[in-house]
Amino acid sequence: MATIKDVAKLAEVSTATVSRVLNENGYVHEETKNRVAKAIKQLNYKPNDVARSLFKGRSKMIALFIPDIMNPFFPELARAVEDMTKNHDFTFILCNTDDDIEKETAYIDALQQKSVDGLIIVSSTLTPEQLHHIQIPVVALDRKLNNGIASVTVNNREGSRQAVQYLKSLGCKKIAHVAGPEHVDNANERRRGYLDEVQNEDWFRLSLVEHGEYHYDAAKQATINLLKRHPDIDGLFVGNDLMAVGALKAAESLGINVPSDLSMIAFDGITLGETTSPSLTTMAQPIYQIGAKAAEMLIKQIEEEDTLTQSEEFSVQLIKRESTRRDEA
């Protein structure tokens, strides 16, 4: 493997000159630059990124923390972050945390030691004290961390209200909710949106809410519990698309037809929802746009140190598919 000394020898310059060319630091005559570039290409020389990061104070690396790589929402989100970082010549690192605080803090410590330039974090477990010890730029994605950290989210509460309103417009008389984890910010916002629309209805009971923990199996069991406890449920709002797949299986296991007996609407808009039978009506997030926006905001923080903390909230969109009864409009 070629070294910087080999490049300097072939280009007939000093190693310091090669270093200045590589790091774009200090004046080097154009003809000399061309000789160095030619030598680098001829020798297929690969600069030591660690050394360059020490010299420049940057590693050109960005990490994305996600809580569950098995949830199709997060790979779709990661693709957008990766594309944006690649467009800006950053290396992308994906960290699956399982929403485990020990894994998250271990990743943070290791990445800071390796001089990673910034973090995009999807987390519901990091405390303000732990966030305070992060010494590099951070952007919260999908759910907020605290007011001092930039964030990119969607209008979870209003989007959920719109989902329930749509079920009502189809004639649903008793609407239940399969919610995400109680400790997750966006799950609570979606549950609040549901409650905004139903808590004053004569038929409403708290037993119409079950937690599916953002997981297929838990959501399947939660739906079975709801439908057995309240056989007259004719509308179901599910807190994300992955849980809705479990809810569809639950209805099937009980001999309940979707959408004839039960109209079901979910939240997220992942590609999986197009492939289920029936396909999922959902409140679709602009997944690619929010991932790309988070990366864009982080890169701006990295490159412009005085960037003000900002938050972006995108709107969700109703996508009508086969899991809800056909409306008359």
Protein backbone atom coordinates (compact mmCIF):
# COMPACT_ATOMS: atom_id res chain seq x y z
CA MET A 1 0.00 0.00 0.00
CA ALA A 2 1.36 3.39 -1.02
CA THR A 3 2.35 5.92 1.64
CA ILE A 4 2.54 9.70 1.64
CA LYS A 5 6.33 9.35 1.32
CA ASP A 6 5.86 7.35 -1.90
CA VAL A 7 3.63 10.11 -3.30
CA ALA A 8 6.16 12.79 -2.36
CA LYS A 9 9.02 10.85 -3.95
CA LEU A 10 7.14 10.30 -7.23
CA ALA A 11 5.95 13.91 -7.39
CA GLU A 12 9.42 15.17 -6.40
CA VAL A 13 8.08 17.26 -3.52
CA SER A 14 8.19 17.12 0.28
CA THR A 15 5.65 15.19 2.37
CA ALA A 16 4.56 18.56 3.82
CA THR A 17 3.62 19.72 0.32
CA VAL A 18 1.58 16.56 -0.27
CA SER A 19 -0.15 17.14 3.06
CA ARG A 20 -1.01 20.73 2.10
CA VAL A 21 -2.52 19.52 -1.18
CA LEU A 22 -4.55 16.79 0.52
CA ASN A 23 -5.86 19.09 3.25
CA GLU A 24 -6.27 22.13 0.99
CA ASN A 25 -4.25 24.11 3.50
CA GLY A 26 -1.68 26.72 2.51
CA TYR A 27 -0.49 27.85 -0.90
CA VAL A 28 0.80 25.30 -3.41
CA HIS A 29 1.71 26.21 -7.01
CA GLU A 30 -0.81 24.87 -9.53
CA GLU A 31 1.80 22.88 -11.45
CA THR A 32 2.94 21.26 -8.19
CA LYS A 33 -0.66 20.40 -7.30
CA ASN A 34 -1.05 18.68 -10.63
CA ARG A 35 2.12 16.60 -10.09
CA VAL A 36 0.91 15.53 -6.66
CA ALA A 37 -2.56 14.67 -8.00
CA LYS A 38 -1.01 12.63 -10.80
CA ALA A 39 1.22 10.75 -8.32
CA ILE A 40 -1.75 10.03 -6.04
CA LYS A 41 -3.71 8.59 -8.97
CA GLN A 42 -0.79 6.58 -10.29
CA LEU A 43 -0.07 5.03 -6.89
CA ASN A 44 -3.76 4.68 -5.96
CA TYR A 45 -2.88 6.38 -2.68
CA LYS A 46 -5.61 6.45 0.00
CA PRO A 47 -5.13 9.19 2.63
CA ASN A 48 -5.34 8.21 6.28
CA ASP A 49 -8.76 9.55 7.33
CA VAL A 50 -7.83 9.54 11.02
CA ALA A 51 -4.77 11.68 10.36
CA ARG A 52 -6.76 14.04 8.16
CA SER A 53 -9.47 14.38 10.83
CA LEU A 54 -6.86 15.30 13.43
CA PHE A 55 -5.41 17.87 11.06
CA LYS A 56 -8.75 19.39 10.05
CA GLY A 57 -10.62 18.83 13.30
CA ARG A 58 -13.31 16.92 11.37
CA SER A 59 -13.84 13.28 10.45
CA LYS A 60 -16.53 13.84 7.78
CA MET A 61 -18.62 11.19 9.54
CA ILE A 62 -22.26 11.44 10.63
CA ALA A 63 -24.11 8.80 12.68
CA LEU A 64 -27.83 8.01 12.75
CA PHE A 65 -29.32 6.35 15.84
CA ILE A 66 -32.50 4.33 15.25
CA PRO A 67 -34.40 2.25 17.83
CA ASP A 68 -35.50 -0.71 15.71
CA ILE A 69 -33.89 -1.78 12.43
CA MET A 70 -36.68 -4.38 12.00
CA ASN A 71 -39.32 -1.66 11.65
CA PRO A 72 -39.42 -0.82 7.91
CA PHE A 73 -39.99 2.87 8.73
CA PHE A 74 -36.40 3.29 9.90
CA PRO A 75 -34.53 1.83 6.90
CA GLU A 76 -36.62 4.13 4.68
CA LEU A 77 -35.60 7.03 6.92
CA ALA A 78 -31.96 5.94 6.94
CA ARG A 79 -31.86 5.88 3.14
CA ALA A 80 -32.72 9.57 3.01
CA VAL A 81 -30.06 10.46 5.60
CA GLU A 82 -27.46 8.38 3.77
CA ASP A 83 -28.24 10.00 0.41
CA MET A 84 -27.95 13.52 1.84
CA THR A 85 -24.70 12.81 3.71
CA LYS A 86 -23.18 11.19 0.61
CA ASN A 87 -24.09 14.24 -1.46
CA HIS A 88 -22.05 16.34 0.99
CA ASP A 89 -19.09 13.90 1.06
CA PHE A 90 -19.78 12.65 4.58
CA THR A 91 -19.46 9.01 5.65
CA PHE A 92 -22.71 7.59 7.07
CA ILE A 93 -22.82 5.34 10.16
CA LEU A 94 -26.03 3.52 11.21
CA CYS A 95 -26.47 2.57 14.87
CA ASN A 96 -29.35 0.32 15.98
CA THR A 97 -30.01 1.08 19.67
CA ASP A 98 -33.14 -0.96 20.55
CA ASP A 99 -34.13 2.13 22.59
CA ASP A 100 -31.62 0.81 25.15
CA ILE A 101 -30.03 3.64 27.11
CA GLU A 102 -26.82 1.66 27.72
CA LYS A 103 -26.37 0.98 23.99
CA GLU A 104 -27.08 4.62 23.19
CA THR A 105 -24.55 5.99 25.67
CA ALA A 106 -21.94 3.42 24.59
CA TYR A 107 -22.39 4.50 20.96
CA ILE A 108 -22.17 8.19 21.90
CA ASP A 109 -18.95 7.70 23.88
CA ALA A 110 -17.31 5.60 21.16
CA LEU A 111 -18.30 7.91 18.32
CA GLN A 112 -17.12 11.04 20.11
CA GLN A 113 -13.77 9.37 20.74
CA LYS A 114 -13.55 8.69 17.00
CA SER A 115 -14.25 12.38 16.29
CA VAL A 116 -17.59 11.81 14.53
CA ASP A 117 -18.85 15.24 13.40
CA GLY A 118 -22.51 14.98 14.38
CA LEU A 119 -25.44 12.78 15.39
CA ILE A 120 -29.01 12.36 14.17
CA ILE A 121 -30.89 10.67 16.98
CA VAL A 122 -34.23 8.87 17.17
CA SER A 123 -34.55 8.19 20.89
CA SER A 124 -37.05 8.10 23.72
CA THR A 125 -34.61 7.24 26.50
CA LEU A 126 -31.79 9.80 26.55
CA THR A 127 -32.05 12.16 29.52
CA PRO A 128 -31.25 15.91 29.51
CA GLU A 129 -28.13 15.17 31.58
CA GLN A 130 -26.87 12.63 29.04
CA LEU A 131 -27.62 15.00 26.18
CA HIS A 132 -25.65 17.72 27.96
CA HIS A 133 -22.50 15.57 27.73
CA ILE A 134 -22.68 15.34 23.94
CA GLN A 135 -20.08 17.80 22.67
CA ILE A 136 -20.94 17.65 18.96
CA PRO A 137 -23.96 18.86 16.93
CA VAL A 138 -27.17 16.84 17.33
CA VAL A 139 -30.51 16.80 15.51
CA ALA A 140 -33.50 14.89 16.91
CA LEU A 141 -35.54 13.03 14.30
CA ASP A 142 -39.08 11.58 14.44
CA ARG A 143 -39.45 12.56 18.10
CA LYS A 144 -38.21 15.52 20.14
CA LEU A 145 -35.41 15.28 22.71
CA ASN A 146 -35.63 18.70 24.38
CA ASN A 147 -36.12 22.34 23.46
CA GLY A 148 -32.40 23.03 23.20
CA ILE A 149 -31.86 20.51 20.39
CA ALA A 150 -32.93 20.96 16.77
CA SER A 151 -35.64 18.54 15.67
CA VAL A 152 -37.50 17.29 12.61
CA THR A 153 -40.95 15.80 13.25
CA VAL A 154 -44.45 15.63 11.77
CA ASN A 155 -47.80 16.91 13.05
CA ASN A 156 -48.55 13.69 14.94
CA ARG A 157 -51.47 14.96 17.00
CA GLU A 158 -53.26 16.78 14.17
CA GLY A 159 -52.60 13.91 11.77
CA SER A 160 -54.16 11.48 14.22
CA ARG A 161 -57.20 13.69 14.62
CA GLN A 162 -57.59 13.66 10.85
CA ALA A 163 -57.35 9.85 10.84
CA VAL A 164 -60.18 9.52 13.36
CA GLN A 165 -62.24 12.17 11.58
CA TYR A 166 -61.93 10.12 8.40
CA LEU A 167 -63.22 7.00 10.17
CA LYS A 168 -66.15 9.02 11.45
CA SER A 169 -66.87 10.30 7.95
CA LEU A 170 -67.19 6.68 6.81
CA GLY A 171 -69.90 6.10 9.40
CA CYS A 172 -67.84 4.34 12.10
CA LYS A 173 -69.77 4.46 15.38
CA LYS A 174 -67.24 2.96 17.81
CA ILE A 175 -63.56 3.65 17.18
CA ALA A 176 -60.70 2.06 19.13
CA HIS A 177 -56.98 2.81 19.17
CA VAL A 178 -53.88 0.59 19.19
CA ALA A 179 -51.24 2.96 20.58
CA GLY A 180 -47.46 2.92 20.61
CA PRO A 181 -45.31 2.81 23.78
CA GLU A 182 -46.30 5.19 26.59
CA HIS A 183 -42.71 6.49 26.95
CA VAL A 184 -42.44 7.53 23.27
CA ASP A 185 -43.22 11.16 22.46
CA ASN A 186 -44.81 10.65 19.05
CA ALA A 187 -46.92 7.71 20.26
CA ASN A 188 -48.36 9.92 22.99
CA GLU A 189 -49.08 12.70 20.51
CA ARG A 190 -50.96 10.25 18.27
CA ARG A 191 -52.93 8.93 21.25
CA ARG A 192 -53.82 12.51 22.24
CA GLY A 193 -55.06 13.18 18.71
CA TYR A 194 -57.31 10.13 18.96
CA LEU A 195 -58.62 11.24 22.37
CA ASP A 196 -59.29 14.76 21.08
CA GLU A 197 -61.81 13.26 18.66
CA VAL A 198 -63.48 10.56 20.77
CA GLN A 199 -63.36 11.39 24.47
CA ASN A 200 -66.68 13.24 24.39
CA GLU A 201 -68.53 10.53 22.48
CA ASP A 202 -71.23 8.63 24.38
CA TRP A 203 -69.64 5.32 23.47
CA PHE A 204 -66.08 6.16 24.53
CA ARG A 205 -64.36 4.06 27.20
CA LEU A 206 -60.69 4.05 28.20
CA SER A 207 -60.75 0.31 27.51
CA LEU A 208 -60.91 1.21 23.81
CA VAL A 209 -57.16 2.03 23.97
CA GLU A 210 -54.57 -0.77 24.01
CA HIS A 211 -50.80 -0.42 23.66
CA GLY A 212 -49.10 -2.32 20.86
CA GLU A 213 -45.57 -1.04 21.67
CA TYR A 214 -44.82 -0.32 17.97
CA HIS A 215 -44.35 -4.10 17.42
CA TYR A 216 -46.22 -6.58 15.26
CA ASP A 217 -46.87 -9.29 17.88
CA ALA A 218 -47.86 -6.89 20.66
CA ALA A 219 -50.22 -5.05 18.30
CA LYS A 220 -51.81 -8.29 17.14
CA GLN A 221 -52.55 -9.29 20.74
CA ALA A 222 -53.74 -5.76 21.63
CA THR A 223 -56.20 -5.86 18.71
CA ILE A 224 -57.50 -9.28 19.73
CA ASN A 225 -58.05 -7.94 23.26
CA LEU A 226 -59.96 -4.91 21.95
CA LEU A 227 -62.18 -6.83 19.54
CA LYS A 228 -63.03 -9.52 22.08
CA ARG A 229 -63.79 -6.96 24.77
CA HIS A 230 -65.82 -4.74 22.43
CA PRO A 231 -67.22 -6.83 19.54
CA ASP A 232 -69.11 -3.78 18.24
CA ILE A 233 -65.93 -1.86 17.34
CA ASP A 234 -66.26 -0.85 13.69
CA GLY A 235 -63.31 1.54 13.40
CA LEU A 236 -59.66 1.13 14.44
CA PHE A 237 -56.89 3.73 14.41
CA VAL A 238 -53.48 2.05 14.72
CA GLY A 239 -50.47 4.11 15.80
CA ASN A 240 -48.13 2.92 13.03
CA ASP A 241 -48.22 0.78 9.90
CA LEU A 242 -46.15 -2.08 11.33
CA MET A 243 -48.65 -2.51 14.17
CA ALA A 244 -51.50 -2.31 11.65
CA VAL A 245 -50.15 -5.42 9.91
CA GLY A 246 -50.52 -7.23 13.24
CA ALA A 247 -54.00 -5.74 13.65
CA LEU A 248 -55.02 -7.07 10.22
CA LYS A 249 -53.88 -10.55 11.23
CA ALA A 250 -55.78 -10.25 14.50
CA ALA A 251 -59.01 -9.38 12.70
CA GLU A 252 -58.48 -12.27 10.28
CA SER A 253 -57.96 -14.71 13.16
CA LEU A 254 -61.30 -13.65 14.67
CA GLY A 255 -63.17 -13.92 11.39
CA ILE A 256 -63.67 -10.14 11.16
CA ASN A 257 -63.58 -8.76 7.62
CA VAL A 258 -61.58 -5.61 6.91
CA PRO A 259 -63.08 -3.29 5.74
CA SER A 260 -66.68 -4.64 5.64
CA ASP A 261 -66.89 -5.23 9.42
CA LEU A 262 -63.99 -3.07 10.56
CA SER A 263 -62.40 -0.01 8.92
CA MET A 264 -58.74 0.36 9.82
CA ILE A 265 -56.41 3.34 9.39
CA ALA A 266 -52.74 3.55 10.41
CA PHE A 267 -49.87 6.05 10.49
CA ASP A 268 -46.47 6.32 8.73
CA GLY A 269 -46.92 5.48 5.06
CA ILE A 270 -44.19 2.86 4.71
CA THR A 271 -44.00 0.80 1.52
CA LEU A 272 -45.13 -2.32 3.41
CA GLY A 273 -48.63 -0.87 3.71
CA GLU A 274 -49.08 -1.07 -0.06
CA THR A 275 -48.41 -4.83 -0.08
CA THR A 276 -50.74 -6.06 2.66
CA SER A 277 -54.13 -7.60 1.90
CA PRO A 278 -56.12 -5.45 2.19
CA SER A 279 -53.66 -2.59 1.58
CA LEU A 280 -53.46 -0.07 4.42
CA THR A 281 -55.19 3.28 4.54
CA THR A 282 -52.70 5.48 6.37
CA MET A 283 -51.61 8.95 7.40
CA ALA A 284 -48.39 9.06 5.40
CA GLN A 285 -45.33 10.88 6.66
CA PRO A 286 -43.00 12.39 4.03
CA ILE A 287 -40.37 9.90 5.22
CA TYR A 288 -37.66 10.73 2.71
CA GLN A 289 -38.09 14.48 3.16
CA ILE A 290 -37.85 14.42 6.96
CA GLY A 291 -34.73 12.23 6.88
CA ALA A 292 -33.09 14.45 4.28
CA LYS A 293 -34.05 17.60 6.22
CA ALA A 294 -32.50 16.27 9.42
CA ALA A 295 -29.24 15.53 7.60
CA GLU A 296 -29.28 18.95 5.95
CA MET A 297 -29.80 20.69 9.31
CA LEU A 298 -27.00 18.69 10.94
CA ILE A 299 -24.51 19.40 8.14
CA LYS A 300 -25.34 23.10 8.42
CA GLN A 301 -24.63 22.96 12.18
CA ILE A 302 -21.31 21.22 11.51
CA GLU A 303 -20.18 23.65 8.84
CA GLU A 304 -21.61 26.86 10.37
CA GLU A 305 -20.89 26.86 14.08
CA ASP A 306 -23.19 29.78 14.89
CA THR A 307 -26.31 28.14 13.39
CA LEU A 308 -29.39 28.78 15.53
CA THR A 309 -31.35 25.83 16.93
CA GLN A 310 -34.44 25.25 14.83
CA SER A 311 -37.29 22.79 14.58
CA GLU A 312 -39.14 21.64 11.49
CA GLU A 313 -42.59 20.06 11.51
CA PHE A 314 -43.94 18.43 8.36
CA SER A 315 -47.58 17.56 7.64
CA VAL A 316 -48.88 14.04 7.06
CA GLN A 317 -51.22 13.11 4.22
CA LEU A 318 -54.22 10.78 4.13
CA ILE A 319 -53.63 7.89 1.71
CA LYS A 320 -56.88 6.00 1.04
CA ARG A 321 -56.49 2.28 0.36
CA GLU A 322 -58.44 -0.95 0.91
CA SER A 323 -58.51 -1.23 4.73
CA THR A 324 -61.27 1.38 5.07
CA ARG A 325 -64.77 1.26 3.62
CA ARG A 326 -65.20 3.23 0.43
CA ASP A 327 -66.41 6.75 1.14
CA GLU A 328 -69.14 8.32 -0.92
CA ALA A 329 -67.11 11.41 -1.90
